Amino acid sequence: MKSIIILSICLFLYSGCTLKKKESVDLGKVKNEVISADIAFSKLSADSGYQKAFVAYAAENMVRLNPRQSATFGRNQLIEEFKKDTGSPADAPTLTWKPLHVEVADAGDFASAFGDWEIRTRLPGNKDTILYGNYITVWKKQSDGTWKFILDGGNPTPGPTDLNLLTNLNDK
């Protein structure tokens, strides 16, 4: 009986020694990676069009929330939906955004970015117009180390976010 107890203790201690320890993650570095990915995503949208940008940054299993219509499920469906758009690239609105608050999961493999978006477009009568809104993008680190979005959505707002409202978030 005594040998069984000693053997059990030894096995318990040995198993604890062989468990892979959780690697330390530099969350500040990860946050900067996500901010950089979000900004690069917006820049690609401004430079090459929002459709190209969304396809480039979409994970295979992404979900995109679409205003006043069903969500888009998966990168392949996103590509098919964009193929249906027959508008002229010259007439396409310019969509850009800026992250205002980023949260990173402790494991460093998921993050969310909240921010303001802006669409510059021309309405009937050749009136240049700027529309505003907020967005939330959930990012997932891919096996190759890049960041792709797995969830994206937004809503219109009367104007850019009052940055004073973010103080409750940034101090946490």
N, C-alpha and C. Protein backbone atom coordinates (compact mmCIF):
# COMPACT_ATOMS: atom_id res chain seq x y z
N MET A 1 0.83 -1.20 0.00
CA MET A 1 0.00 0.00 0.00
C MET A 1 0.87 1.25 0.00
N LYS A 2 1.93 1.24 0.83
CA LYS A 2 2.82 2.38 0.91
C LYS A 2 3.51 2.61 -0.43
N SER A 3 3.88 1.57 -1.12
CA SER A 3 4.56 1.71 -2.41
C SER A 3 3.61 2.28 -3.48
N ILE A 4 2.31 1.94 -3.39
CA ILE A 4 1.33 2.47 -4.33
C ILE A 4 1.18 3.98 -4.12
N ILE A 5 1.16 4.41 -2.86
CA ILE A 5 1.05 5.84 -2.57
C ILE A 5 2.27 6.58 -3.09
N ILE A 6 3.45 6.03 -2.84
CA ILE A 6 4.69 6.67 -3.30
C ILE A 6 4.72 6.71 -4.83
N LEU A 7 4.32 5.62 -5.47
CA LEU A 7 4.29 5.57 -6.93
C LEU A 7 3.29 6.59 -7.47
N SER A 8 2.14 6.73 -6.84
CA SER A 8 1.13 7.70 -7.26
C SER A 8 1.66 9.12 -7.15
N ILE A 9 2.34 9.41 -6.04
CA ILE A 9 2.92 10.74 -5.85
C ILE A 9 3.97 11.01 -6.91
N CYS A 10 4.83 10.03 -7.18
CA CYS A 10 5.87 10.19 -8.20
C CYS A 10 5.27 10.43 -9.58
N LEU A 11 4.24 9.67 -9.94
CA LEU A 11 3.57 9.85 -11.23
C LEU A 11 2.93 11.23 -11.32
N PHE A 12 2.31 11.66 -10.21
CA PHE A 12 1.69 12.98 -10.18
C PHE A 12 2.75 14.07 -10.39
N LEU A 13 3.86 13.97 -9.67
CA LEU A 13 4.92 14.97 -9.81
C LEU A 13 5.54 14.93 -11.20
N TYR A 14 5.74 13.74 -11.73
CA TYR A 14 6.32 13.60 -13.06
C TYR A 14 5.39 14.20 -14.11
N SER A 15 4.11 13.94 -14.00
CA SER A 15 3.17 14.47 -14.99
C SER A 15 3.14 16.00 -14.94
N GLY A 16 3.28 16.56 -13.76
CA GLY A 16 3.33 18.01 -13.62
C GLY A 16 4.57 18.59 -14.26
N CYS A 17 5.66 17.86 -14.23
CA CYS A 17 6.90 18.34 -14.83
C CYS A 17 6.88 18.26 -16.35
N THR A 18 6.10 17.36 -16.89
CA THR A 18 6.09 17.19 -18.34
C THR A 18 5.02 18.02 -19.03
N LEU A 19 4.12 18.63 -18.27
CA LEU A 19 3.11 19.47 -18.89
C LEU A 19 3.79 20.69 -19.50
N LYS A 20 3.36 21.03 -20.69
CA LYS A 20 3.91 22.20 -21.35
C LYS A 20 3.46 23.46 -20.61
N LYS A 21 4.41 24.25 -20.21
CA LYS A 21 4.08 25.49 -19.52
C LYS A 21 3.57 26.51 -20.52
N LYS A 22 2.62 27.32 -20.08
CA LYS A 22 2.06 28.37 -20.91
C LYS A 22 3.16 29.39 -21.21
N GLU A 23 3.34 29.64 -22.48
CA GLU A 23 4.35 30.61 -22.88
C GLU A 23 3.88 32.01 -22.53
N SER A 24 4.83 32.83 -22.16
CA SER A 24 4.52 34.21 -21.84
C SER A 24 4.26 34.96 -23.15
N VAL A 25 3.18 35.72 -23.18
CA VAL A 25 2.80 36.47 -24.37
C VAL A 25 2.94 37.95 -24.06
N ASP A 26 3.62 38.67 -24.93
CA ASP A 26 3.76 40.11 -24.80
C ASP A 26 2.50 40.74 -25.39
N LEU A 27 1.51 41.02 -24.54
CA LEU A 27 0.23 41.51 -25.01
C LEU A 27 0.34 42.90 -25.64
N GLY A 28 1.29 43.69 -25.19
CA GLY A 28 1.51 45.00 -25.82
C GLY A 28 1.97 44.85 -27.26
N LYS A 29 2.85 43.90 -27.50
CA LYS A 29 3.32 43.62 -28.86
C LYS A 29 2.16 43.11 -29.72
N VAL A 30 1.37 42.21 -29.18
CA VAL A 30 0.23 41.67 -29.92
C VAL A 30 -0.75 42.79 -30.25
N LYS A 31 -1.02 43.65 -29.28
CA LYS A 31 -1.93 44.78 -29.52
C LYS A 31 -1.43 45.64 -30.67
N ASN A 32 -0.13 45.92 -30.69
CA ASN A 32 0.44 46.71 -31.78
C ASN A 32 0.32 46.00 -33.13
N GLU A 33 0.46 44.66 -33.13
CA GLU A 33 0.29 43.88 -34.36
C GLU A 33 -1.14 44.04 -34.89
N VAL A 34 -2.10 43.95 -33.98
CA VAL A 34 -3.51 44.05 -34.39
C VAL A 34 -3.82 45.46 -34.88
N ILE A 35 -3.34 46.47 -34.19
CA ILE A 35 -3.54 47.85 -34.64
C ILE A 35 -2.93 48.03 -36.03
N SER A 36 -1.73 47.51 -36.23
CA SER A 36 -1.08 47.61 -37.55
C SER A 36 -1.88 46.90 -38.63
N ALA A 37 -2.41 45.71 -38.30
CA ALA A 37 -3.23 44.97 -39.27
C ALA A 37 -4.49 45.75 -39.61
N ASP A 38 -5.13 46.32 -38.60
CA ASP A 38 -6.36 47.07 -38.81
C ASP A 38 -6.10 48.31 -39.68
N ILE A 39 -5.02 49.00 -39.42
CA ILE A 39 -4.66 50.19 -40.20
C ILE A 39 -4.29 49.80 -41.63
N ALA A 40 -3.54 48.72 -41.80
CA ALA A 40 -3.17 48.25 -43.15
C ALA A 40 -4.41 47.83 -43.93
N PHE A 41 -5.35 47.20 -43.27
CA PHE A 41 -6.63 46.81 -43.86
C PHE A 41 -7.35 48.05 -44.40
N SER A 42 -7.43 49.10 -43.60
CA SER A 42 -8.07 50.34 -44.01
C SER A 42 -7.32 51.00 -45.17
N LYS A 43 -6.00 50.99 -45.10
CA LYS A 43 -5.19 51.59 -46.16
C LYS A 43 -5.42 50.86 -47.48
N LEU A 44 -5.47 49.53 -47.44
CA LEU A 44 -5.75 48.77 -48.66
C LEU A 44 -7.13 49.13 -49.20
N SER A 45 -8.09 49.32 -48.32
CA SER A 45 -9.43 49.72 -48.73
C SER A 45 -9.39 51.08 -49.44
N ALA A 46 -8.65 52.02 -48.90
CA ALA A 46 -8.55 53.36 -49.50
C ALA A 46 -7.82 53.31 -50.84
N ASP A 47 -6.76 52.50 -50.91
CA ASP A 47 -5.92 52.46 -52.10
C ASP A 47 -6.49 51.59 -53.22
N SER A 48 -7.13 50.48 -52.86
CA SER A 48 -7.53 49.49 -53.87
C SER A 48 -9.02 49.15 -53.86
N GLY A 49 -9.77 49.75 -52.96
CA GLY A 49 -11.19 49.47 -52.85
C GLY A 49 -11.49 48.54 -51.69
N TYR A 50 -12.67 48.77 -51.08
CA TYR A 50 -13.01 48.00 -49.89
C TYR A 50 -13.20 46.52 -50.19
N GLN A 51 -13.67 46.18 -51.39
CA GLN A 51 -13.89 44.77 -51.70
C GLN A 51 -12.59 43.99 -51.71
N LYS A 52 -11.58 44.53 -52.34
CA LYS A 52 -10.27 43.87 -52.38
C LYS A 52 -9.71 43.74 -50.96
N ALA A 53 -9.88 44.78 -50.17
CA ALA A 53 -9.36 44.77 -48.80
C ALA A 53 -10.06 43.70 -47.95
N PHE A 54 -11.39 43.63 -48.05
CA PHE A 54 -12.12 42.65 -47.25
C PHE A 54 -11.75 41.23 -47.63
N VAL A 55 -11.59 40.97 -48.91
CA VAL A 55 -11.19 39.62 -49.34
C VAL A 55 -9.78 39.30 -48.84
N ALA A 56 -8.88 40.26 -48.91
CA ALA A 56 -7.49 40.04 -48.50
C ALA A 56 -7.36 39.76 -47.00
N TYR A 57 -8.19 40.38 -46.18
CA TYR A 57 -8.06 40.24 -44.73
C TYR A 57 -9.08 39.29 -44.11
N ALA A 58 -9.88 38.62 -44.92
CA ALA A 58 -10.90 37.71 -44.40
C ALA A 58 -10.32 36.34 -44.12
N ALA A 59 -10.62 35.81 -42.94
CA ALA A 59 -10.30 34.41 -42.64
C ALA A 59 -11.30 33.54 -43.40
N GLU A 60 -10.95 32.30 -43.62
CA GLU A 60 -11.84 31.39 -44.35
C GLU A 60 -13.21 31.27 -43.70
N ASN A 61 -13.25 31.28 -42.37
CA ASN A 61 -14.50 31.07 -41.64
C ASN A 61 -15.09 32.37 -41.09
N MET A 62 -14.87 33.46 -41.79
CA MET A 62 -15.31 34.77 -41.32
C MET A 62 -16.83 34.92 -41.38
N VAL A 63 -17.31 35.90 -40.59
CA VAL A 63 -18.70 36.33 -40.63
C VAL A 63 -18.68 37.84 -40.75
N ARG A 64 -19.46 38.34 -41.69
CA ARG A 64 -19.57 39.80 -41.87
C ARG A 64 -21.02 40.18 -41.69
N LEU A 65 -21.25 41.09 -40.75
CA LEU A 65 -22.60 41.59 -40.51
C LEU A 65 -22.87 42.71 -41.51
N ASN A 66 -23.95 42.58 -42.25
CA ASN A 66 -24.28 43.54 -43.30
C ASN A 66 -25.51 44.34 -42.91
N PRO A 67 -25.48 45.65 -43.08
CA PRO A 67 -26.64 46.46 -42.73
C PRO A 67 -27.87 46.08 -43.55
N ARG A 68 -28.97 45.91 -42.88
CA ARG A 68 -30.28 45.66 -43.51
C ARG A 68 -30.31 44.45 -44.43
N GLN A 69 -29.44 43.47 -44.21
CA GLN A 69 -29.48 42.22 -44.97
C GLN A 69 -28.81 41.11 -44.16
N SER A 70 -28.88 39.91 -44.68
CA SER A 70 -28.31 38.76 -43.98
C SER A 70 -26.80 38.87 -43.88
N ALA A 71 -26.26 38.22 -42.89
CA ALA A 71 -24.81 38.17 -42.71
C ALA A 71 -24.17 37.37 -43.83
N THR A 72 -22.88 37.60 -44.03
CA THR A 72 -22.08 36.85 -44.98
C THR A 72 -21.29 35.82 -44.18
N PHE A 73 -21.35 34.57 -44.61
CA PHE A 73 -20.69 33.48 -43.88
C PHE A 73 -19.60 32.86 -44.75
N GLY A 74 -18.36 33.08 -44.40
CA GLY A 74 -17.23 32.48 -45.10
C GLY A 74 -16.67 33.36 -46.20
N ARG A 75 -15.38 33.22 -46.38
CA ARG A 75 -14.65 34.03 -47.37
C ARG A 75 -15.17 33.78 -48.79
N ASN A 76 -15.51 32.52 -49.11
CA ASN A 76 -16.00 32.22 -50.46
C ASN A 76 -17.31 32.95 -50.75
N GLN A 77 -18.21 33.00 -49.77
CA GLN A 77 -19.47 33.73 -49.98
C GLN A 77 -19.20 35.22 -50.14
N LEU A 78 -18.25 35.75 -49.39
CA LEU A 78 -17.88 37.16 -49.51
C LEU A 78 -17.42 37.46 -50.94
N ILE A 79 -16.58 36.61 -51.47
CA ILE A 79 -16.08 36.80 -52.84
C ILE A 79 -17.23 36.77 -53.83
N GLU A 80 -18.13 35.81 -53.67
CA GLU A 80 -19.29 35.72 -54.57
C GLU A 80 -20.18 36.95 -54.48
N GLU A 81 -20.40 37.46 -53.29
CA GLU A 81 -21.23 38.66 -53.13
C GLU A 81 -20.59 39.87 -53.81
N PHE A 82 -19.28 39.98 -53.70
CA PHE A 82 -18.60 41.11 -54.32
C PHE A 82 -18.62 40.99 -55.85
N LYS A 83 -18.64 39.78 -56.39
CA LYS A 83 -18.72 39.60 -57.84
C LYS A 83 -20.03 40.14 -58.39
N LYS A 84 -21.08 40.15 -57.57
CA LYS A 84 -22.40 40.62 -58.01
C LYS A 84 -22.45 42.14 -58.16
N ASP A 85 -21.54 42.84 -57.52
CA ASP A 85 -21.52 44.30 -57.59
C ASP A 85 -21.04 44.73 -58.97
N THR A 86 -21.91 45.35 -59.71
CA THR A 86 -21.58 45.72 -61.09
C THR A 86 -21.27 47.20 -61.25
N GLY A 87 -21.16 47.91 -60.15
CA GLY A 87 -20.88 49.34 -60.23
C GLY A 87 -19.48 49.62 -60.77
N SER A 88 -19.30 50.81 -61.29
CA SER A 88 -18.00 51.22 -61.80
C SER A 88 -17.05 51.50 -60.63
N PRO A 89 -15.79 51.04 -60.73
CA PRO A 89 -14.83 51.33 -59.66
C PRO A 89 -14.65 52.82 -59.40
N ALA A 90 -14.81 53.63 -60.43
CA ALA A 90 -14.68 55.09 -60.26
C ALA A 90 -15.81 55.66 -59.40
N ASP A 91 -16.97 54.99 -59.43
CA ASP A 91 -18.12 55.45 -58.67
C ASP A 91 -18.18 54.84 -57.27
N ALA A 92 -17.30 53.91 -56.99
CA ALA A 92 -17.35 53.19 -55.71
C ALA A 92 -17.03 54.14 -54.56
N PRO A 93 -17.76 54.00 -53.47
CA PRO A 93 -17.44 54.82 -52.29
C PRO A 93 -16.09 54.42 -51.71
N THR A 94 -15.46 55.35 -51.04
CA THR A 94 -14.18 55.08 -50.37
C THR A 94 -14.46 54.85 -48.90
N LEU A 95 -14.17 53.64 -48.44
CA LEU A 95 -14.38 53.26 -47.05
C LEU A 95 -13.03 53.19 -46.35
N THR A 96 -12.91 53.94 -45.26
CA THR A 96 -11.72 53.89 -44.42
C THR A 96 -12.16 53.84 -42.96
N TRP A 97 -11.23 53.46 -42.09
CA TRP A 97 -11.56 53.38 -40.67
C TRP A 97 -10.31 53.55 -39.84
N LYS A 98 -10.53 53.73 -38.55
CA LYS A 98 -9.42 53.96 -37.62
C LYS A 98 -9.75 53.28 -36.30
N PRO A 99 -8.86 52.40 -35.83
CA PRO A 99 -9.13 51.76 -34.53
C PRO A 99 -8.97 52.77 -33.39
N LEU A 100 -9.91 52.71 -32.45
CA LEU A 100 -9.87 53.59 -31.28
C LEU A 100 -9.61 52.82 -29.99
N HIS A 101 -9.97 51.54 -29.99
CA HIS A 101 -9.78 50.71 -28.79
C HIS A 101 -9.58 49.26 -29.23
N VAL A 102 -8.51 48.65 -28.71
CA VAL A 102 -8.20 47.26 -29.04
C VAL A 102 -8.05 46.47 -27.76
N GLU A 103 -8.67 45.31 -27.71
CA GLU A 103 -8.55 44.36 -26.61
C GLU A 103 -7.91 43.08 -27.14
N VAL A 104 -7.02 42.50 -26.37
CA VAL A 104 -6.32 41.28 -26.78
C VAL A 104 -6.58 40.18 -25.77
N ALA A 105 -6.86 38.98 -26.26
CA ALA A 105 -7.04 37.82 -25.38
C ALA A 105 -5.71 37.47 -24.72
N ASP A 106 -5.76 36.94 -23.52
CA ASP A 106 -4.55 36.62 -22.76
C ASP A 106 -3.61 35.68 -23.52
N ALA A 107 -4.15 34.80 -24.34
CA ALA A 107 -3.31 33.87 -25.10
C ALA A 107 -2.65 34.55 -26.29
N GLY A 108 -3.10 35.76 -26.63
CA GLY A 108 -2.48 36.50 -27.73
C GLY A 108 -2.89 36.04 -29.11
N ASP A 109 -3.96 35.24 -29.22
CA ASP A 109 -4.34 34.73 -30.53
C ASP A 109 -5.66 35.30 -31.04
N PHE A 110 -6.36 36.05 -30.21
CA PHE A 110 -7.60 36.72 -30.60
C PHE A 110 -7.54 38.16 -30.13
N ALA A 111 -8.21 39.03 -30.87
CA ALA A 111 -8.29 40.43 -30.45
C ALA A 111 -9.53 41.05 -31.08
N SER A 112 -9.95 42.15 -30.50
CA SER A 112 -11.05 42.92 -31.10
C SER A 112 -10.60 44.36 -31.24
N ALA A 113 -11.06 44.97 -32.32
CA ALA A 113 -10.78 46.39 -32.56
C ALA A 113 -12.12 47.10 -32.73
N PHE A 114 -12.26 48.20 -32.01
CA PHE A 114 -13.43 49.07 -32.13
C PHE A 114 -12.94 50.40 -32.66
N GLY A 115 -13.71 51.00 -33.56
CA GLY A 115 -13.29 52.30 -34.05
C GLY A 115 -14.35 52.99 -34.88
N ASP A 116 -13.91 54.02 -35.57
CA ASP A 116 -14.76 54.81 -36.44
C ASP A 116 -14.49 54.45 -37.89
N TRP A 117 -15.57 54.37 -38.68
CA TRP A 117 -15.41 54.25 -40.12
C TRP A 117 -15.97 55.50 -40.78
N GLU A 118 -15.56 55.67 -42.03
CA GLU A 118 -15.99 56.83 -42.80
C GLU A 118 -16.14 56.38 -44.26
N ILE A 119 -17.26 56.73 -44.85
CA ILE A 119 -17.46 56.47 -46.28
C ILE A 119 -17.58 57.81 -46.99
N ARG A 120 -16.74 58.00 -47.98
CA ARG A 120 -16.82 59.18 -48.83
C ARG A 120 -17.45 58.73 -50.13
N THR A 121 -18.54 59.39 -50.48
CA THR A 121 -19.29 58.99 -51.65
C THR A 121 -19.91 60.21 -52.31
N ARG A 122 -20.45 60.00 -53.46
CA ARG A 122 -21.15 61.07 -54.18
C ARG A 122 -22.61 60.65 -54.31
N LEU A 123 -23.47 61.46 -53.76
CA LEU A 123 -24.91 61.19 -53.81
C LEU A 123 -25.50 61.79 -55.08
N PRO A 124 -26.73 61.40 -55.42
CA PRO A 124 -27.37 61.98 -56.62
C PRO A 124 -27.29 63.51 -56.57
N GLY A 125 -27.07 64.10 -57.73
CA GLY A 125 -26.91 65.55 -57.80
C GLY A 125 -25.46 65.95 -57.63
N ASN A 126 -24.55 64.96 -57.70
CA ASN A 126 -23.10 65.19 -57.57
C ASN A 126 -22.71 65.86 -56.26
N LYS A 127 -23.41 65.53 -55.21
CA LYS A 127 -23.11 66.10 -53.91
C LYS A 127 -22.15 65.16 -53.17
N ASP A 128 -20.92 65.65 -52.92
CA ASP A 128 -19.96 64.86 -52.14
C ASP A 128 -20.48 64.73 -50.71
N THR A 129 -20.41 63.51 -50.18
CA THR A 129 -20.97 63.24 -48.87
C THR A 129 -20.03 62.36 -48.07
N ILE A 130 -20.00 62.59 -46.77
CA ILE A 130 -19.25 61.73 -45.86
C ILE A 130 -20.25 61.13 -44.87
N LEU A 131 -20.24 59.82 -44.79
CA LEU A 131 -21.07 59.10 -43.83
C LEU A 131 -20.14 58.54 -42.75
N TYR A 132 -20.64 58.45 -41.52
CA TYR A 132 -19.82 58.01 -40.39
C TYR A 132 -20.45 56.80 -39.70
N GLY A 133 -19.61 56.09 -38.99
CA GLY A 133 -20.12 54.97 -38.20
C GLY A 133 -19.05 54.38 -37.31
N ASN A 134 -19.46 53.39 -36.54
CA ASN A 134 -18.56 52.61 -35.68
C ASN A 134 -18.45 51.21 -36.25
N TYR A 135 -17.35 50.55 -35.92
CA TYR A 135 -17.18 49.16 -36.33
C TYR A 135 -16.58 48.35 -35.20
N ILE A 136 -16.77 47.06 -35.29
CA ILE A 136 -16.10 46.12 -34.41
C ILE A 136 -15.56 45.01 -35.32
N THR A 137 -14.29 44.71 -35.16
CA THR A 137 -13.67 43.63 -35.92
C THR A 137 -13.02 42.69 -34.92
N VAL A 138 -13.30 41.41 -35.05
CA VAL A 138 -12.65 40.40 -34.22
C VAL A 138 -11.59 39.74 -35.10
N TRP A 139 -10.37 39.77 -34.59
CA TRP A 139 -9.21 39.27 -35.31
C TRP A 139 -8.75 37.93 -34.71
N LYS A 140 -8.24 37.06 -35.57
CA LYS A 140 -7.66 35.79 -35.12
C LYS A 140 -6.30 35.63 -35.78
N LYS A 141 -5.32 35.29 -34.96
CA LYS A 141 -3.97 35.07 -35.48
C LYS A 141 -3.95 33.75 -36.24
N GLN A 142 -3.44 33.79 -37.45
CA GLN A 142 -3.39 32.60 -38.30
C GLN A 142 -2.12 31.81 -38.04
N SER A 143 -2.08 30.59 -38.53
CA SER A 143 -0.92 29.72 -38.29
C SER A 143 0.36 30.29 -38.90
N ASP A 144 0.23 31.15 -39.93
CA ASP A 144 1.42 31.77 -40.53
C ASP A 144 1.83 33.06 -39.83
N GLY A 145 1.12 33.41 -38.74
CA GLY A 145 1.46 34.60 -37.95
C GLY A 145 0.73 35.86 -38.37
N THR A 146 -0.01 35.81 -39.48
CA THR A 146 -0.77 36.98 -39.91
C THR A 146 -2.09 37.06 -39.13
N TRP A 147 -2.72 38.22 -39.19
CA TRP A 147 -4.01 38.44 -38.54
C TRP A 147 -5.08 38.56 -39.61
N LYS A 148 -6.16 37.81 -39.45
CA LYS A 148 -7.31 37.87 -40.36
C LYS A 148 -8.55 38.10 -39.51
N PHE A 149 -9.55 38.76 -40.10
CA PHE A 149 -10.76 38.98 -39.33
C PHE A 149 -11.68 37.76 -39.43
N ILE A 150 -12.32 37.45 -38.31
CA ILE A 150 -13.31 36.37 -38.29
C ILE A 150 -14.71 36.92 -38.08
N LEU A 151 -14.82 38.17 -37.64
CA LEU A 151 -16.11 38.81 -37.48
C LEU A 151 -15.93 40.30 -37.71
N ASP A 152 -16.82 40.87 -38.52
CA ASP A 152 -16.76 42.30 -38.77
C ASP A 152 -18.18 42.84 -38.92
N GLY A 153 -18.41 43.99 -38.35
CA GLY A 153 -19.71 44.63 -38.49
C GLY A 153 -19.63 46.06 -38.03
N GLY A 154 -20.66 46.82 -38.37
CA GLY A 154 -20.68 48.22 -37.98
C GLY A 154 -22.07 48.80 -38.03
N ASN A 155 -22.14 50.05 -37.60
CA ASN A 155 -23.41 50.77 -37.60
C ASN A 155 -23.14 52.23 -37.92
N PRO A 156 -24.13 52.91 -38.52
CA PRO A 156 -23.97 54.34 -38.80
C PRO A 156 -24.08 55.17 -37.53
N THR A 157 -23.41 56.30 -37.53
CA THR A 157 -23.48 57.26 -36.42
C THR A 157 -23.58 58.66 -37.02
N PRO A 158 -23.99 59.64 -36.20
CA PRO A 158 -24.10 61.01 -36.73
C PRO A 158 -22.74 61.66 -37.03
N GLY A 159 -21.67 61.13 -36.46
CA GLY A 159 -20.35 61.69 -36.67
C GLY A 159 -19.31 60.83 -35.98
N PRO A 160 -18.05 61.26 -35.99
CA PRO A 160 -17.00 60.51 -35.31
C PRO A 160 -17.28 60.37 -33.81
N THR A 161 -16.68 59.36 -33.20
CA THR A 161 -16.85 59.10 -31.78
C THR A 161 -16.20 60.20 -30.95
N ASP A 162 -16.89 60.63 -29.91
CA ASP A 162 -16.33 61.55 -28.93
C ASP A 162 -15.29 60.76 -28.13
N LEU A 163 -14.03 61.08 -28.30
CA LEU A 163 -12.95 60.31 -27.68
C LEU A 163 -13.01 60.33 -26.15
N ASN A 164 -13.67 61.33 -25.56
CA ASN A 164 -13.83 61.36 -24.11
C ASN A 164 -14.64 60.16 -23.61
N LEU A 165 -15.50 59.62 -24.48
CA LEU A 165 -16.31 58.46 -24.09
C LEU A 165 -15.46 57.20 -23.93
N LEU A 166 -14.28 57.18 -24.53
CA LEU A 166 -13.42 56.00 -24.47
C LEU A 166 -12.59 55.91 -23.21
N THR A 167 -12.57 56.95 -22.40
CA THR A 167 -11.73 56.92 -21.19
C THR A 167 -12.12 55.78 -20.27
N ASN A 168 -13.38 55.39 -20.26
CA ASN A 168 -13.81 54.26 -19.42
C ASN A 168 -13.20 52.95 -19.90
N LEU A 169 -12.87 52.86 -21.17
CA LEU A 169 -12.31 51.62 -21.73
C LEU A 169 -10.79 51.56 -21.62
N ASN A 170 -10.15 52.67 -21.91
CA ASN A 170 -8.69 52.66 -22.02
C ASN A 170 -7.97 52.53 -20.69
N ASP A 171 -8.63 52.78 -19.59
CA ASP A 171 -7.97 52.67 -18.30
C ASP A 171 -8.10 51.28 -17.69
N LYS A 172 -8.78 50.38 -18.34
CA LYS A 172 -9.03 49.04 -17.78
C LYS A 172 -7.92 48.10 -18.16
